[in-house]
Amino acid sequence: MHVGTKQEAHSLPRDIEFRELCGVPELKEAERLQMAVWGEDDKPDNSDILLAIQHEGGLIAGAFEGDRMLGFLFGFPCRESGVQHSHRLAVHPDSQGLGLGEKMKWYQRRWCLENGIHTVRWTYDPARRVNAGLNIGKLGATAKTYYDDYYGPMEGINAGVPSDRLLAEWHLNDPLVRLKAGEIEKVDMLIETPIRVSIPKDFQNLLDQDRKTALAERLRIRSELSSAFANGYQIIDFDLTGHCYLLGRDDRA
């Protein structure tokens, strides 16, 4: 999944509506929002394909303050029954830092459960702390699959290093996810001392200022996570303060 947000640590101070997009004008607006987030060199998902996918059961949604679109989310059905692939999540630069990304993902969970979907999967850049903190730390997704240079060379904010991606797996009724959603108060898990894999505090800044070091960090993270996955470990949590993944073998009590 392409994710465009900043650190999201504050509650929303405004009246925001989360809903599916309606009509071509709103789908066109979603194109403009994507370009505002990722840059004009990174082509947006266009309104034609969004409309077709929406008609075939995909989720094309937004966060709105009145008529203004602040966020955009795009998910489509997979070949497996009950599974959705979440492809895009974007928050307009003017509205980042308000927690909209997380709110939109919880909206996606509700929508999916109402429509018979039990699992959502997406790819994301494993080196970006904000994405890891949201996907793993706040939503309760897990990961055990690493893709080397998934998209090939990219433009915009992703230019300059291989486009490595993790596959996040969000099991919507998993006890850990339900705990993060506030639906239950406790989850009993037996987990051995976890492996820790650190990531940069600000990978984008590192990429902008020191591309050689950014590449070295990309390759280190790739090596450490791929090795752990090959030995039966999976990402089970993210340390938001220490900006590192926690990997273990998850044996529920």
Protein backbone atom coordinates (compact mmCIF):
# COMPACT_ATOMS: atom_id res chain seq x y z
CA MET A 1 0.00 0.00 0.00
CA HIS A 2 1.19 3.52 -0.75
CA VAL A 3 0.89 5.49 2.46
CA GLY A 4 1.29 9.24 2.68
CA THR A 5 1.02 10.65 6.20
CA LYS A 6 3.13 12.30 8.88
CA GLN A 7 3.34 11.33 12.54
CA GLU A 8 -0.19 10.97 13.78
CA ALA A 9 -0.30 11.60 17.50
CA HIS A 10 -3.24 13.92 18.02
CA SER A 11 -6.99 13.43 18.10
CA LEU A 12 -9.11 15.06 15.45
CA PRO A 13 -10.29 18.53 16.52
CA ARG A 14 -12.83 18.84 13.71
CA ASP A 15 -16.00 17.17 12.48
CA ILE A 16 -14.74 14.65 9.91
CA GLU A 17 -16.93 12.28 7.89
CA PHE A 18 -15.59 8.97 6.60
CA ARG A 19 -17.49 7.57 3.63
CA GLU A 20 -17.27 6.06 0.16
CA LEU A 21 -16.61 8.46 -2.70
CA CYS A 22 -19.62 9.34 -4.83
CA GLY A 23 -19.38 10.17 -8.53
CA VAL A 24 -16.65 11.12 -10.98
CA PRO A 25 -15.98 14.63 -9.53
CA GLU A 26 -14.96 13.13 -6.17
CA LEU A 27 -12.87 10.47 -7.93
CA LYS A 28 -11.13 13.25 -9.87
CA GLU A 29 -10.47 15.04 -6.60
CA ALA A 30 -8.86 11.84 -5.31
CA GLU A 31 -6.39 12.03 -8.22
CA ARG A 32 -5.40 15.56 -7.20
CA LEU A 33 -5.03 14.55 -3.56
CA GLN A 34 -2.71 11.68 -4.51
CA MET A 35 -0.47 14.04 -6.50
CA ALA A 36 -0.40 16.49 -3.60
CA VAL A 37 0.88 13.70 -1.34
CA TRP A 38 3.33 11.79 -3.55
CA GLY A 39 4.28 14.38 -6.15
CA GLU A 40 3.25 14.79 -9.76
CA ASP A 41 5.96 12.36 -10.94
CA ASP A 42 4.22 9.48 -9.12
CA LYS A 43 1.16 8.82 -11.26
CA PRO A 44 -2.11 8.60 -9.31
CA ASP A 45 -4.69 5.86 -9.66
CA ASN A 46 -7.06 7.49 -12.13
CA SER A 47 -10.77 8.06 -11.77
CA ASP A 48 -11.73 5.64 -14.56
CA ILE A 49 -10.16 2.59 -12.92
CA LEU A 50 -11.36 3.70 -9.47
CA LEU A 51 -14.93 3.90 -10.72
CA ALA A 52 -14.78 0.44 -12.30
CA ILE A 53 -13.23 -1.14 -9.20
CA GLN A 54 -15.80 0.52 -6.95
CA HIS A 55 -18.60 -0.96 -9.06
CA GLU A 56 -16.98 -4.40 -8.73
CA GLY A 57 -16.84 -4.36 -4.94
CA GLY A 58 -13.74 -2.32 -4.16
CA LEU A 59 -13.54 0.29 -1.42
CA ILE A 60 -12.94 3.83 -2.65
CA ALA A 61 -13.33 6.07 0.37
CA GLY A 62 -12.38 9.44 1.73
CA ALA A 63 -12.27 11.62 4.81
CA PHE A 64 -14.25 14.82 4.38
CA GLU A 65 -14.63 18.07 6.24
CA GLY A 66 -17.76 19.41 4.60
CA ASP A 67 -17.14 19.09 0.87
CA ARG A 68 -13.35 19.12 1.17
CA MET A 69 -11.54 15.79 0.80
CA LEU A 70 -8.77 15.45 3.40
CA GLY A 71 -7.94 11.78 2.95
CA PHE A 72 -8.25 8.96 0.43
CA LEU A 73 -8.30 5.17 0.76
CA PHE A 74 -8.41 2.58 -2.03
CA GLY A 75 -8.83 -1.20 -1.57
CA PHE A 76 -9.82 -3.88 -4.06
CA PRO A 77 -10.99 -7.52 -3.86
CA CYS A 78 -8.45 -10.35 -4.03
CA ARG A 79 -8.76 -13.74 -5.71
CA GLU A 80 -9.23 -15.24 -2.24
CA SER A 81 -12.73 -14.94 -0.85
CA GLY A 82 -12.99 -12.60 2.12
CA VAL A 83 -9.68 -10.83 1.46
CA GLN A 84 -9.09 -7.24 0.34
CA HIS A 85 -5.87 -5.66 -0.90
CA SER A 86 -5.45 -2.12 0.41
CA HIS A 87 -3.55 -0.18 -2.26
CA ARG A 88 -3.59 3.51 -1.32
CA LEU A 89 -3.90 5.56 1.85
CA ALA A 90 -3.26 9.28 1.56
CA VAL A 91 -3.79 12.31 3.79
CA HIS A 92 -3.54 15.78 2.29
CA PRO A 93 -0.36 17.60 3.42
CA ASP A 94 -2.47 20.35 5.01
CA SER A 95 -4.24 17.78 7.23
CA GLN A 96 -1.39 15.49 8.24
CA GLY A 97 -0.57 14.97 11.90
CA LEU A 98 -4.23 14.75 13.00
CA GLY A 99 -4.63 10.98 13.15
CA LEU A 100 -6.65 10.78 9.92
CA GLY A 101 -4.68 7.83 8.52
CA GLU A 102 -5.45 5.67 11.53
CA LYS A 103 -9.10 6.74 11.57
CA MET A 104 -9.44 5.83 7.91
CA LYS A 105 -8.01 2.36 8.51
CA TRP A 106 -10.52 1.70 11.29
CA TYR A 107 -13.25 2.88 8.94
CA GLN A 108 -11.90 0.38 6.40
CA ARG A 109 -12.09 -2.40 8.99
CA ARG A 110 -15.73 -1.63 9.77
CA TRP A 111 -16.60 -1.51 6.07
CA CYS A 112 -14.85 -4.80 5.38
CA LEU A 113 -16.49 -6.65 8.25
CA GLU A 114 -19.89 -5.38 7.11
CA ASN A 115 -19.14 -6.72 3.63
CA GLY A 116 -17.91 -10.19 4.58
CA ILE A 117 -14.17 -9.44 4.42
CA HIS A 118 -12.03 -10.86 7.22
CA THR A 119 -8.48 -10.04 6.08
CA VAL A 120 -6.86 -6.95 4.56
CA ARG A 121 -3.38 -7.06 3.06
CA TRP A 122 -1.14 -4.28 1.79
CA THR A 123 2.48 -3.50 1.07
CA TYR A 124 4.40 -0.66 2.67
CA ASP A 125 7.94 0.66 2.91
CA PRO A 126 9.54 -1.11 5.91
CA ALA A 127 12.02 1.73 6.49
CA ARG A 128 9.44 4.43 7.15
CA ARG A 129 8.77 4.77 10.87
CA VAL A 130 5.37 6.47 10.60
CA ASN A 131 4.04 3.70 8.35
CA ALA A 132 5.42 0.96 10.60
CA GLY A 133 4.01 2.68 13.67
CA LEU A 134 0.57 2.90 12.10
CA ASN A 135 0.37 -0.48 10.38
CA ILE A 136 1.99 -2.64 13.04
CA GLY A 137 2.00 -0.61 16.24
CA LYS A 138 -1.45 0.96 16.14
CA LEU A 139 -3.52 -1.34 13.91
CA GLY A 140 -2.11 -4.69 15.01
CA ALA A 141 -1.15 -5.99 11.56
CA THR A 142 1.63 -8.57 11.29
CA ALA A 143 4.19 -9.27 8.56
CA LYS A 144 6.29 -12.23 7.46
CA THR A 145 6.86 -11.56 3.75
CA TYR A 146 9.54 -9.25 2.34
CA TYR A 147 9.62 -8.11 -1.29
CA ASP A 148 12.94 -6.88 -2.71
CA ASP A 149 12.56 -3.85 -5.01
CA TYR A 150 8.84 -4.59 -5.39
CA TYR A 151 7.91 -1.80 -7.82
CA GLY A 152 11.30 -1.35 -9.45
CA PRO A 153 12.67 2.22 -9.77
CA MET A 154 10.21 4.83 -8.51
CA GLU A 155 9.86 8.59 -8.80
CA GLY A 156 8.74 11.29 -6.39
CA ILE A 157 9.44 10.84 -2.70
CA ASN A 158 10.38 7.18 -3.27
CA ALA A 159 13.19 7.87 -5.77
CA GLY A 160 16.78 6.91 -5.02
CA VAL A 161 16.64 3.50 -3.32
CA PRO A 162 15.16 0.09 -4.17
CA SER A 163 11.40 -0.04 -3.63
CA ASP A 164 11.46 -2.77 -0.98
CA ARG A 165 8.13 -3.57 0.64
CA LEU A 166 6.71 -5.58 3.51
CA LEU A 167 3.39 -7.39 3.12
CA ALA A 168 1.21 -6.40 6.09
CA GLU A 169 -1.53 -8.86 7.01
CA TRP A 170 -4.44 -7.44 8.99
CA HIS A 171 -6.66 -10.19 10.37
CA LEU A 172 -9.66 -8.11 11.31
CA ASN A 173 -11.05 -10.37 14.03
CA ASP A 174 -7.69 -11.31 15.54
CA PRO A 175 -7.62 -10.70 19.32
CA LEU A 176 -4.68 -8.31 19.00
CA VAL A 177 -6.54 -6.23 16.43
CA ARG A 178 -9.65 -6.24 18.58
CA LEU A 179 -7.50 -5.07 21.51
CA LYS A 180 -6.13 -2.19 19.42
CA ALA A 181 -9.70 -1.33 18.38
CA GLY A 182 -10.77 -1.12 22.02
CA GLU A 183 -13.23 -4.03 21.71
CA ILE A 184 -11.52 -6.20 24.33
CA GLU A 185 -9.28 -5.36 27.28
CA LYS A 186 -6.69 -8.13 27.27
CA VAL A 187 -4.88 -10.59 25.02
CA ASP A 188 -2.87 -13.48 26.48
CA MET A 189 0.16 -14.27 24.35
CA LEU A 190 3.22 -16.43 25.00
CA ILE A 191 6.10 -14.88 23.06
CA GLU A 192 9.77 -15.62 23.49
CA THR A 193 12.25 -12.75 23.79
CA PRO A 194 11.68 -10.92 20.52
CA ILE A 195 14.22 -10.11 17.85
CA ARG A 196 14.54 -6.36 17.37
CA VAL A 197 15.20 -4.75 13.98
CA SER A 198 15.67 -0.99 14.09
CA ILE A 199 14.77 1.45 11.32
CA PRO A 200 15.74 5.11 10.82
CA LYS A 201 13.84 7.71 12.79
CA ASP A 202 13.26 9.70 9.58
CA PHE A 203 14.07 7.71 6.43
CA GLN A 204 12.83 10.44 4.08
CA ASN A 205 15.18 13.00 5.60
CA LEU A 206 18.04 10.51 5.39
CA LEU A 207 17.21 9.83 1.75
CA ASP A 208 17.14 13.55 0.98
CA GLN A 209 20.38 14.35 2.82
CA ASP A 210 22.56 11.23 2.48
CA ARG A 211 21.48 8.81 -0.23
CA LYS A 212 24.47 6.50 0.31
CA THR A 213 23.58 5.96 3.97
CA ALA A 214 19.90 5.60 3.10
CA LEU A 215 20.77 2.81 0.65
CA ALA A 216 22.93 1.09 3.27
CA GLU A 217 20.05 1.23 5.75
CA ARG A 218 17.64 -0.15 3.16
CA LEU A 219 19.92 -3.13 2.53
CA ARG A 220 20.54 -3.74 6.25
CA ILE A 221 16.82 -3.79 7.03
CA ARG A 222 16.24 -6.10 4.06
CA SER A 223 18.92 -8.53 5.26
CA GLU A 224 17.81 -8.62 8.90
CA LEU A 225 14.09 -9.01 8.23
CA SER A 226 14.51 -11.53 5.39
CA SER A 227 16.81 -13.66 7.56
CA ALA A 228 14.36 -13.62 10.48
CA PHE A 229 11.42 -14.53 8.23
CA ALA A 230 13.40 -17.43 6.74
CA ASN A 231 13.89 -18.73 10.28
CA GLY A 232 10.20 -18.76 11.11
CA TYR A 233 9.81 -15.36 12.75
CA GLN A 234 7.22 -12.71 11.95
CA ILE A 235 6.76 -9.08 12.87
CA ILE A 236 4.37 -8.97 15.81
CA ASP A 237 4.74 -5.40 17.08
CA PHE A 238 6.54 -2.10 16.61
CA ASP A 239 8.29 -0.10 19.33
CA LEU A 240 7.12 3.45 18.63
CA THR A 241 9.68 5.00 20.99
CA GLY A 242 12.70 2.96 19.94
CA HIS A 243 11.56 2.81 16.27
CA CYS A 244 12.23 -0.88 15.87
CA TYR A 245 10.29 -3.96 14.81
CA LEU A 246 9.70 -6.76 17.29
CA LEU A 247 9.75 -10.24 15.76
CA GLY A 248 8.79 -13.48 17.42
CA ARG A 249 7.01 -16.77 17.09
CA ASP A 250 3.47 -16.04 18.24
CA ASP A 251 2.01 -18.84 20.36
CA ARG A 252 -1.29 -17.78 21.85
CA ALA A 253 -1.91 -18.93 25.41
